[in-house]
Amino acid sequence: MNISTMTDNSSPGLKTMYAEKLILETDTHGYLKQLPRLPPNVQLEAIFLVLTEYSQPSSSIPRRKPSPKIVGQGRILGDIVAPVTAPADWEVLT
């Protein structure tokens, strides 16, 4: 269980909030297999992140590959880490 706390001093009705990570499982009909124990008399906000193959629909799209005709054609010209322009040309740095 992961818990993080945040205090809000600007709102008199909301003093503290914390996050609690729960892993919940559903049955074949989509109902929770077991209900979690929650604090009494509070409002909760829930965000559900689905941990199955359905959360990654892009995996069904085939990955594109470059043409074999261009293998070995690329060349690195100069330093690939250094900026192309001189630092004096950057107005942000002055």
Foldseek 3Di string as FASTA:
>chain_A
DDKDKDADPVDPVGGMDIDDDDDFDADPVRHTPDDDDDDPPDDDDDDDQDDDPVNCPCVVPDDDDDDPVCVPVDDDDDDPPDDPDDPVPDPVVD
